[in-house]
Amino acid sequence: MSQLKRKDREAFIKTYDENVAEINRFIYFKVGNQEEANDLTSSVFIKAWNYVQSKNLLEAKTLRALFYKIARNIVVDYYRERGSRPQLSFEENTNQDGELIGETEAIIDESSSQSMIEDKIDEAADLRLIEAKLPLLKEEYRELIVMRFINDLSLTEIADISQKTKGNIRVLIHRALNALRELIEESQTKRED
């Protein structure tokens, strides 16, 4: 961070390399199209570099939080320009039943204290089921689950990005996981019938 405050280009390139995959994954889960996610991810880092060049970074708590804030704003602008609300499809990765196929890149933190998903993480099919159900959650819940369990952000970082308190984030993540659990249980009940 101190090197970036001095506008060190090499430090920014290193930071880019460390964060590009995570930011790309975050955007992909919001737009559902890899090509669009790649383009928007590039925009995030261009805007971040311009920000570093034009402002001092005193108000940014962490660079990672800055990337997420810019990514969130770029996705909002993306949908404003398109004139539509986010409609995630993940069509290129689904079978005719709408379930995701292939290897999942999402890894959910097994050490999480959230007992409702601990039993489901061990099997790849369950990970695909979770990934398939994410687009069905409301956007705020989906975003929180991706940031916390897929991109492994701390509650403090999520609070900084969302501009909410840690306590509020904790409650929202709990609600998001409950909503996800209900979708998964509903899906499993349909399979059994």
C-alpha atoms as a PDB file:
ATOM      1  CA  MET A   1       0.000   0.000   0.000  1.00  0.00           C
ATOM      2  CA  SER A   2       2.821   2.397   0.829  1.00  0.00           C
ATOM      3  CA  GLN A   3       4.423   1.723  -2.566  1.00  0.00           C
ATOM      4  CA  LEU A   4       1.101   2.384  -4.282  1.00  0.00           C
ATOM      5  CA  LYS A   5       0.730   5.639  -2.399  1.00  0.00           C
ATOM      6  CA  ARG A   6       3.977   6.632  -4.127  1.00  0.00           C
ATOM      7  CA  LYS A   7       2.362   5.578  -7.450  1.00  0.00           C
ATOM      8  CA  ASP A   8       4.768   2.658  -7.957  1.00  0.00           C
ATOM      9  CA  ARG A   9       3.762   0.919 -11.197  1.00  0.00           C
ATOM     10  CA  GLU A  10       5.485  -2.385 -10.329  1.00  0.00           C
ATOM     11  CA  ALA A  11       3.648  -2.547  -7.005  1.00  0.00           C
ATOM     12  CA  PHE A  12       0.357  -2.062  -8.847  1.00  0.00           C
ATOM     13  CA  ILE A  13       1.219  -4.845 -11.318  1.00  0.00           C
ATOM     14  CA  LYS A  14       1.984  -7.158  -8.409  1.00  0.00           C
ATOM     15  CA  THR A  15      -1.310  -6.213  -6.734  1.00  0.00           C
ATOM     16  CA  TYR A  16      -3.099  -6.801 -10.032  1.00  0.00           C
ATOM     17  CA  ASP A  17      -1.611 -10.294 -10.331  1.00  0.00           C
ATOM     18  CA  GLU A  18      -2.674 -11.115  -6.765  1.00  0.00           C
ATOM     19  CA  ASN A  19      -6.285  -9.922  -7.188  1.00  0.00           C
ATOM     20  CA  VAL A  20      -7.332 -10.270 -10.820  1.00  0.00           C
ATOM     21  CA  ALA A  21      -8.730 -13.820 -10.572  1.00  0.00           C
ATOM     22  CA  GLU A  22     -10.719 -13.010  -7.446  1.00  0.00           C
ATOM     23  CA  ILE A  23     -12.230  -9.820  -8.888  1.00  0.00           C
ATOM     24  CA  ASN A  24     -12.990 -11.600 -12.166  1.00  0.00           C
ATOM     25  CA  ARG A  25     -14.805 -14.376 -10.302  1.00  0.00           C
ATOM     26  CA  PHE A  26     -16.772 -11.806  -8.291  1.00  0.00           C
ATOM     27  CA  ILE A  27     -17.887 -10.032 -11.470  1.00  0.00           C
ATOM     28  CA  TYR A  28     -18.639 -13.316 -13.259  1.00  0.00           C
ATOM     29  CA  PHE A  29     -21.072 -14.304 -10.511  1.00  0.00           C
ATOM     30  CA  LYS A  30     -22.810 -10.959 -11.018  1.00  0.00           C
ATOM     31  CA  VAL A  31     -23.047 -10.965 -14.830  1.00  0.00           C
ATOM     32  CA  GLY A  32     -23.006 -14.700 -15.682  1.00  0.00           C
ATOM     33  CA  ASN A  33     -20.915 -14.291 -18.847  1.00  0.00           C
ATOM     34  CA  GLN A  34     -17.154 -14.882 -18.846  1.00  0.00           C
ATOM     35  CA  GLU A  35     -16.340 -12.548 -21.753  1.00  0.00           C
ATOM     36  CA  GLU A  36     -18.287  -9.692 -20.163  1.00  0.00           C
ATOM     37  CA  ALA A  37     -16.645 -10.467 -16.801  1.00  0.00           C
ATOM     38  CA  ASN A  38     -13.194 -10.283 -18.408  1.00  0.00           C
ATOM     39  CA  ASP A  39     -13.964  -6.908 -19.992  1.00  0.00           C
ATOM     40  CA  LEU A  40     -15.413  -5.499 -16.783  1.00  0.00           C
ATOM     41  CA  THR A  41     -12.469  -6.820 -14.763  1.00  0.00           C
ATOM     42  CA  SER A  42     -10.090  -4.943 -17.047  1.00  0.00           C
ATOM     43  CA  SER A  43     -12.117  -1.797 -16.448  1.00  0.00           C
ATOM     44  CA  VAL A  44     -11.847  -2.284 -12.678  1.00  0.00           C
ATOM     45  CA  PHE A  45      -8.068  -2.281 -12.759  1.00  0.00           C
ATOM     46  CA  ILE A  46      -7.858   0.606 -15.223  1.00  0.00           C
ATOM     47  CA  LYS A  47     -10.082   2.686 -12.943  1.00  0.00           C
ATOM     48  CA  ALA A  48      -8.093   1.594  -9.907  1.00  0.00           C
ATOM     49  CA  TRP A  49      -4.830   2.655 -11.554  1.00  0.00           C
ATOM     50  CA  ASN A  50      -6.355   5.991 -12.559  1.00  0.00           C
ATOM     51  CA  TYR A  51      -7.547   6.407  -8.970  1.00  0.00           C
ATOM     52  CA  VAL A  52      -4.061   5.671  -7.667  1.00  0.00           C
ATOM     53  CA  GLN A  53      -2.606   8.222 -10.091  1.00  0.00           C
ATOM     54  CA  SER A  54      -5.087  10.990  -9.348  1.00  0.00           C
ATOM     55  CA  LYS A  55      -5.810  10.605  -5.622  1.00  0.00           C
ATOM     56  CA  ASN A  56      -3.988   9.818  -2.479  1.00  0.00           C
ATOM     57  CA  LEU A  57      -5.007   6.481  -1.032  1.00  0.00           C
ATOM     58  CA  LEU A  58      -5.485   7.704   2.501  1.00  0.00           C
ATOM     59  CA  GLU A  59      -9.242   7.095   2.482  1.00  0.00           C
ATOM     60  CA  ALA A  60      -8.942   3.533   1.143  1.00  0.00           C
ATOM     61  CA  LYS A  61      -8.679   1.102   4.052  1.00  0.00           C
ATOM     62  CA  THR A  62      -7.388  -1.723   1.879  1.00  0.00           C
ATOM     63  CA  LEU A  63      -6.609  -1.961  -1.789  1.00  0.00           C
ATOM     64  CA  ARG A  64      -8.679  -5.138  -2.001  1.00  0.00           C
ATOM     65  CA  ALA A  65     -11.708  -3.241  -0.700  1.00  0.00           C
ATOM     66  CA  LEU A  66     -11.056  -0.518  -3.265  1.00  0.00           C
ATOM     67  CA  PHE A  67     -11.071  -3.117  -6.077  1.00  0.00           C
ATOM     68  CA  TYR A  68     -14.379  -4.529  -4.862  1.00  0.00           C
ATOM     69  CA  LYS A  69     -15.970  -1.088  -4.563  1.00  0.00           C
ATOM     70  CA  ILE A  70     -14.917  -0.240  -8.097  1.00  0.00           C
ATOM     71  CA  ALA A  71     -16.117  -3.662  -9.327  1.00  0.00           C
ATOM     72  CA  ARG A  72     -19.530  -3.175  -7.714  1.00  0.00           C
ATOM     73  CA  ASN A  73     -19.868   0.266  -9.320  1.00  0.00           C
ATOM     74  CA  ILE A  74     -18.780  -1.009 -12.727  1.00  0.00           C
ATOM     75  CA  VAL A  75     -21.358  -3.809 -12.612  1.00  0.00           C
ATOM     76  CA  VAL A  76     -24.070  -1.296 -11.659  1.00  0.00           C
ATOM     77  CA  ASP A  77     -23.009   0.955 -14.553  1.00  0.00           C
ATOM     78  CA  TYR A  78     -22.950  -2.066 -16.870  1.00  0.00           C
ATOM     79  CA  TYR A  79     -26.576  -2.869 -16.096  1.00  0.00           C
ATOM     80  CA  ARG A  80     -27.624   0.777 -16.270  1.00  0.00           C
ATOM     81  CA  GLU A  81     -26.154   1.043 -19.769  1.00  0.00           C
ATOM     82  CA  ARG A  82     -27.907  -2.140 -20.834  1.00  0.00           C
ATOM     83  CA  GLY A  83     -31.161  -0.919 -19.332  1.00  0.00           C
ATOM     84  CA  SER A  84     -31.878  -4.201 -17.615  1.00  0.00           C
ATOM     85  CA  ARG A  85     -31.576  -5.885 -14.279  1.00  0.00           C
ATOM     86  CA  PRO A  86     -29.028  -8.646 -13.733  1.00  0.00           C
ATOM     87  CA  GLN A  87     -30.201 -11.955 -15.143  1.00  0.00           C
ATOM     88  CA  LEU A  88     -27.632 -14.621 -14.446  1.00  0.00           C
ATOM     89  CA  SER A  89     -27.932 -17.633 -16.653  1.00  0.00           C
ATOM     90  CA  PHE A  90     -24.669 -19.564 -16.626  1.00  0.00           C
ATOM     91  CA  GLU A  91     -26.146 -21.164 -19.776  1.00  0.00           C
ATOM     92  CA  GLU A  92     -22.811 -22.261 -21.169  1.00  0.00           C
ATOM     93  CA  ASN A  93     -22.246 -24.440 -18.086  1.00  0.00           C
ATOM     94  CA  THR A  94     -25.676 -25.992 -17.561  1.00  0.00           C
ATOM     95  CA  ASN A  95     -27.396 -29.164 -18.727  1.00  0.00           C
ATOM     96  CA  GLN A  96     -31.013 -29.384 -19.852  1.00  0.00           C
ATOM     97  CA  ASP A  97     -32.184 -29.594 -16.213  1.00  0.00           C
ATOM     98  CA  GLY A  98     -30.483 -26.258 -15.464  1.00  0.00           C
ATOM     99  CA  GLU A  99     -27.838 -27.875 -13.277  1.00  0.00           C
ATOM    100  CA  LEU A 100     -24.222 -26.853 -13.662  1.00  0.00           C
ATOM    101  CA  ILE A 101     -21.910 -29.347 -15.305  1.00  0.00           C
ATOM    102  CA  GLY A 102     -18.149 -29.653 -15.361  1.00  0.00           C
ATOM    103  CA  GLU A 103     -15.644 -28.857 -12.668  1.00  0.00           C
ATOM    104  CA  THR A 104     -16.501 -26.011 -10.377  1.00  0.00           C
ATOM    105  CA  GLU A 105     -13.893 -23.398  -9.587  1.00  0.00           C
ATOM    106  CA  ALA A 106     -15.767 -22.254  -6.511  1.00  0.00           C
ATOM    107  CA  ILE A 107     -14.294 -23.471  -3.261  1.00  0.00           C
ATOM    108  CA  ILE A 108     -16.253 -22.802  -0.124  1.00  0.00           C
ATOM    109  CA  ASP A 109     -14.377 -22.430   3.135  1.00  0.00           C
ATOM    110  CA  GLU A 110     -14.806 -25.730   5.010  1.00  0.00           C
ATOM    111  CA  SER A 111     -13.693 -24.228   8.306  1.00  0.00           C
ATOM    112  CA  SER A 112     -16.686 -21.905   8.282  1.00  0.00           C
ATOM    113  CA  SER A 113     -18.843 -21.853  11.363  1.00  0.00           C
ATOM    114  CA  GLN A 114     -21.922 -22.066   9.159  1.00  0.00           C
ATOM    115  CA  SER A 115     -23.118 -25.588   9.935  1.00  0.00           C
ATOM    116  CA  MET A 116     -25.831 -25.543   7.279  1.00  0.00           C
ATOM    117  CA  ILE A 117     -23.323 -26.087   4.478  1.00  0.00           C
ATOM    118  CA  GLU A 118     -20.568 -28.107   6.164  1.00  0.00           C
ATOM    119  CA  ASP A 119     -22.006 -31.474   5.109  1.00  0.00           C
ATOM    120  CA  LYS A 120     -22.501 -30.387   1.509  1.00  0.00           C
ATOM    121  CA  ILE A 121     -18.976 -29.213   0.746  1.00  0.00           C
ATOM    122  CA  ASP A 122     -17.332 -32.612   0.504  1.00  0.00           C
ATOM    123  CA  GLU A 123     -18.976 -33.658  -2.757  1.00  0.00           C
ATOM    124  CA  ALA A 124     -18.434 -31.956  -6.119  1.00  0.00           C
ATOM    125  CA  ALA A 125     -22.089 -32.453  -7.018  1.00  0.00           C
ATOM    126  CA  ASP A 126     -23.119 -30.447  -3.993  1.00  0.00           C
ATOM    127  CA  LEU A 127     -20.749 -27.631  -4.957  1.00  0.00           C
ATOM    128  CA  ARG A 128     -22.313 -27.532  -8.406  1.00  0.00           C
ATOM    129  CA  LEU A 129     -25.750 -27.515  -6.790  1.00  0.00           C
ATOM    130  CA  ILE A 130     -24.760 -24.558  -4.607  1.00  0.00           C
ATOM    131  CA  GLU A 131     -23.312 -22.752  -7.628  1.00  0.00           C
ATOM    132  CA  ALA A 132     -26.503 -23.479  -9.609  1.00  0.00           C
ATOM    133  CA  LYS A 133     -28.678 -22.038  -6.842  1.00  0.00           C
ATOM    134  CA  LEU A 134     -26.661 -18.830  -6.366  1.00  0.00           C
ATOM    135  CA  PRO A 135     -28.330 -17.032  -9.299  1.00  0.00           C
ATOM    136  CA  LEU A 136     -31.709 -17.684  -7.655  1.00  0.00           C
ATOM    137  CA  LEU A 137     -30.779 -15.688  -4.557  1.00  0.00           C
ATOM    138  CA  LYS A 138     -31.394 -11.983  -4.402  1.00  0.00           C
ATOM    139  CA  GLU A 139     -28.382 -10.014  -5.582  1.00  0.00           C
ATOM    140  CA  GLU A 140     -27.267  -8.820  -2.137  1.00  0.00           C
ATOM    141  CA  TYR A 141     -27.216 -12.379  -0.743  1.00  0.00           C
ATOM    142  CA  ARG A 142     -25.404 -13.748  -3.779  1.00  0.00           C
ATOM    143  CA  GLU A 143     -22.787 -11.022  -3.526  1.00  0.00           C
ATOM    144  CA  LEU A 144     -22.200 -11.701   0.177  1.00  0.00           C
ATOM    145  CA  ILE A 145     -21.827 -15.457  -0.334  1.00  0.00           C
ATOM    146  CA  VAL A 146     -19.366 -14.947  -3.186  1.00  0.00           C
ATOM    147  CA  MET A 147     -17.289 -12.443  -1.208  1.00  0.00           C
ATOM    148  CA  ARG A 148     -17.254 -14.464   2.026  1.00  0.00           C
ATOM    149  CA  PHE A 149     -17.096 -18.104   0.941  1.00  0.00           C
ATOM    150  CA  ILE A 150     -15.746 -18.080  -2.595  1.00  0.00           C
ATOM    151  CA  ASN A 151     -13.338 -15.132  -2.463  1.00  0.00           C
ATOM    152  CA  ASP A 152     -12.663 -15.595   1.281  1.00  0.00           C
ATOM    153  CA  LEU A 153     -12.983 -11.953   2.315  1.00  0.00           C
ATOM    154  CA  SER A 154     -13.080 -11.155   6.011  1.00  0.00           C
ATOM    155  CA  LEU A 155     -16.176  -9.673   7.631  1.00  0.00           C
ATOM    156  CA  THR A 156     -14.245  -6.422   8.079  1.00  0.00           C
ATOM    157  CA  GLU A 157     -13.414  -6.254   4.362  1.00  0.00           C
ATOM    158  CA  ILE A 158     -17.007  -7.012   3.375  1.00  0.00           C
ATOM    159  CA  ALA A 159     -18.262  -4.344   5.789  1.00  0.00           C
ATOM    160  CA  ASP A 160     -15.851  -1.820   4.266  1.00  0.00           C
ATOM    161  CA  ILE A 161     -16.910  -2.703   0.721  1.00  0.00           C
ATOM    162  CA  SER A 162     -20.627  -2.670   1.557  1.00  0.00           C
ATOM    163  CA  GLN A 163     -20.373   0.344   3.843  1.00  0.00           C
ATOM    164  CA  LYS A 164     -22.260  -1.541   6.558  1.00  0.00           C
ATOM    165  CA  THR A 165     -21.301  -2.651  10.043  1.00  0.00           C
ATOM    166  CA  LYS A 166     -19.680  -6.018  10.735  1.00  0.00           C
ATOM    167  CA  GLY A 167     -22.721  -7.010  12.788  1.00  0.00           C
ATOM    168  CA  ASN A 168     -25.030  -6.180   9.908  1.00  0.00           C
ATOM    169  CA  ILE A 169     -22.851  -8.198   7.528  1.00  0.00           C
ATOM    170  CA  ARG A 170     -22.902 -11.164   9.920  1.00  0.00           C
ATOM    171  CA  VAL A 171     -26.725 -11.090  10.016  1.00  0.00           C
ATOM    172  CA  LEU A 172     -27.007 -10.715   6.240  1.00  0.00           C
ATOM    173  CA  ILE A 173     -24.627 -13.637   5.626  1.00  0.00           C
ATOM    174  CA  HIS A 174     -26.681 -15.761   8.024  1.00  0.00           C
ATOM    175  CA  ARG A 175     -29.868 -14.863   6.125  1.00  0.00           C
ATOM    176  CA  ALA A 176     -28.165 -15.487   2.775  1.00  0.00           C
ATOM    177  CA  LEU A 177     -27.011 -18.935   3.869  1.00  0.00           C
ATOM    178  CA  ASN A 178     -30.477 -19.768   5.174  1.00  0.00           C
ATOM    179  CA  ALA A 179     -31.992 -18.744   1.843  1.00  0.00           C
ATOM    180  CA  LEU A 180     -29.399 -20.830  -0.021  1.00  0.00           C
ATOM    181  CA  ARG A 181     -30.022 -23.804   2.270  1.00  0.00           C
ATOM    182  CA  GLU A 182     -33.775 -23.569   1.603  1.00  0.00           C
ATOM    183  CA  LEU A 183     -33.178 -23.577  -2.166  1.00  0.00           C
ATOM    184  CA  ILE A 184     -30.880 -26.589  -1.884  1.00  0.00           C
ATOM    185  CA  GLU A 185     -33.314 -28.498   0.339  1.00  0.00           C
ATOM    186  CA  GLU A 186     -36.151 -27.697  -2.059  1.00  0.00           C
ATOM    187  CA  SER A 187     -34.069 -29.009  -4.957  1.00  0.00           C
ATOM    188  CA  GLN A 188     -33.170 -32.184  -3.077  1.00  0.00           C
ATOM    189  CA  THR A 189     -36.825 -32.765  -2.164  1.00  0.00           C
ATOM    190  CA  LYS A 190     -37.762 -32.496  -5.858  1.00  0.00           C
ATOM    191  CA  ARG A 191     -35.042 -35.038  -6.760  1.00  0.00           C
ATOM    192  CA  GLU A 192     -36.398 -37.503  -4.205  1.00  0.00           C
ATOM    193  CA  ASP A 193     -39.927 -37.214  -5.609  1.00  0.00           C
END
